[in-house]
Amino acid sequence: MTVVWTISAVMLLIAFVLTAFRALRGPTTLDRLVGVDTFVALIICGLGLWVASTLDTTIVPAIVALSLVSFIGSVSVARYRVRDDE
């Protein structure tokens, strides 16, 4: 089972690097917003992987709170975003 956890962690790390490239290099602010939102989703997945591998459920409320804050933040930024072509 350790092989599965290792493969999952490596895949999350690769996704994090690709997302960092998109967030830093994105030509528009919407690309950067999607990159930051994906960062939060990857952090939530990483915490879920940690919970599954250690069987420690004390982090689960933090995962729920982080997902709610991420959703509200993404909706707020998307609602009040200014166009890039100005």
Protein backbone atom coordinates (compact mmCIF):
# COMPACT_ATOMS: atom_id res chain seq x y z
CA MET A 1 0.00 0.00 0.00
CA THR A 2 2.98 2.31 0.47
CA VAL A 3 3.52 2.29 -3.28
CA VAL A 4 0.02 3.69 -3.82
CA TRP A 5 0.62 6.52 -1.33
CA THR A 6 3.96 7.34 -2.95
CA ILE A 7 2.52 7.38 -6.47
CA SER A 8 -0.34 9.57 -5.30
CA ALA A 9 2.02 12.01 -3.60
CA VAL A 10 4.23 12.21 -6.69
CA MET A 11 1.21 12.87 -8.89
CA LEU A 12 0.08 15.66 -6.55
CA LEU A 13 3.58 17.14 -6.63
CA ILE A 14 3.63 17.11 -10.44
CA ALA A 15 0.21 18.75 -10.51
CA PHE A 16 1.44 21.37 -8.05
CA VAL A 17 4.43 22.21 -10.26
CA LEU A 18 2.27 22.48 -13.38
CA THR A 19 -0.22 24.66 -11.52
CA ALA A 20 2.59 26.90 -10.28
CA PHE A 21 3.68 27.39 -13.87
CA ARG A 22 0.14 28.38 -14.86
CA ALA A 23 -0.34 30.69 -11.87
CA LEU A 24 2.97 32.48 -12.38
CA ARG A 25 3.02 32.55 -16.15
CA GLY A 26 -0.69 33.01 -16.89
CA PRO A 27 -1.31 35.77 -19.41
CA THR A 28 -4.56 36.91 -17.79
CA THR A 29 -5.76 37.37 -14.25
CA LEU A 30 -8.37 34.69 -14.81
CA ASP A 31 -5.58 32.18 -15.54
CA ARG A 32 -3.93 33.20 -12.29
CA LEU A 33 -7.22 32.85 -10.43
CA VAL A 34 -7.71 29.34 -11.77
CA GLY A 35 -4.12 28.52 -10.79
CA VAL A 36 -4.59 29.71 -7.21
CA ASP A 37 -7.91 27.90 -6.95
CA THR A 38 -6.21 24.74 -8.18
CA PHE A 39 -3.49 25.23 -5.55
CA VAL A 40 -6.14 25.13 -2.85
CA ALA A 41 -7.76 22.06 -4.41
CA LEU A 42 -4.38 20.31 -4.49
CA ILE A 43 -3.77 21.21 -0.85
CA ILE A 44 -7.16 19.74 0.02
CA CYS A 45 -6.28 16.57 -1.92
CA GLY A 46 -2.92 16.39 -0.16
CA LEU A 47 -4.60 16.68 3.22
CA GLY A 48 -7.06 13.98 2.18
CA LEU A 49 -4.16 11.76 1.18
CA TRP A 50 -2.54 12.41 4.56
CA VAL A 51 -5.77 11.47 6.36
CA ALA A 52 -6.14 8.30 4.30
CA SER A 53 -2.55 7.21 4.83
CA THR A 54 -2.31 7.92 8.57
CA LEU A 55 -5.96 7.17 9.47
CA ASP A 56 -5.94 10.37 11.57
CA THR A 57 -9.32 12.07 11.17
CA THR A 58 -8.56 15.23 13.15
CA ILE A 59 -7.76 17.13 9.94
CA VAL A 60 -11.15 16.47 8.31
CA PRO A 61 -12.85 19.61 9.75
CA ALA A 62 -9.96 21.69 8.42
CA ILE A 63 -10.47 20.17 4.97
CA VAL A 64 -14.16 21.09 5.06
CA ALA A 65 -13.43 24.64 6.25
CA LEU A 66 -10.73 25.13 3.62
CA SER A 67 -13.04 23.94 0.86
CA LEU A 68 -15.80 26.33 1.96
CA VAL A 69 -13.43 29.31 2.19
CA SER A 70 -11.97 28.42 -1.20
CA PHE A 71 -15.39 28.27 -2.81
CA ILE A 72 -16.49 31.61 -1.37
CA GLY A 73 -13.18 33.23 -2.32
CA SER A 74 -13.31 31.96 -5.88
CA VAL A 75 -16.88 33.11 -6.37
CA SER A 76 -16.08 36.53 -4.91
CA VAL A 77 -13.01 37.09 -7.05
CA ALA A 78 -14.77 35.87 -10.18
CA ARG A 79 -17.68 38.20 -9.48
CA TYR A 80 -15.61 41.35 -9.01
CA ARG A 81 -12.81 40.67 -11.48
CA VAL A 82 -11.85 43.55 -13.79
CA ARG A 83 -11.30 42.87 -17.48
CA ASP A 84 -7.68 42.61 -18.67
CA ASP A 85 -8.19 44.40 -21.99
CA GLU A 86 -8.56 47.88 -20.44
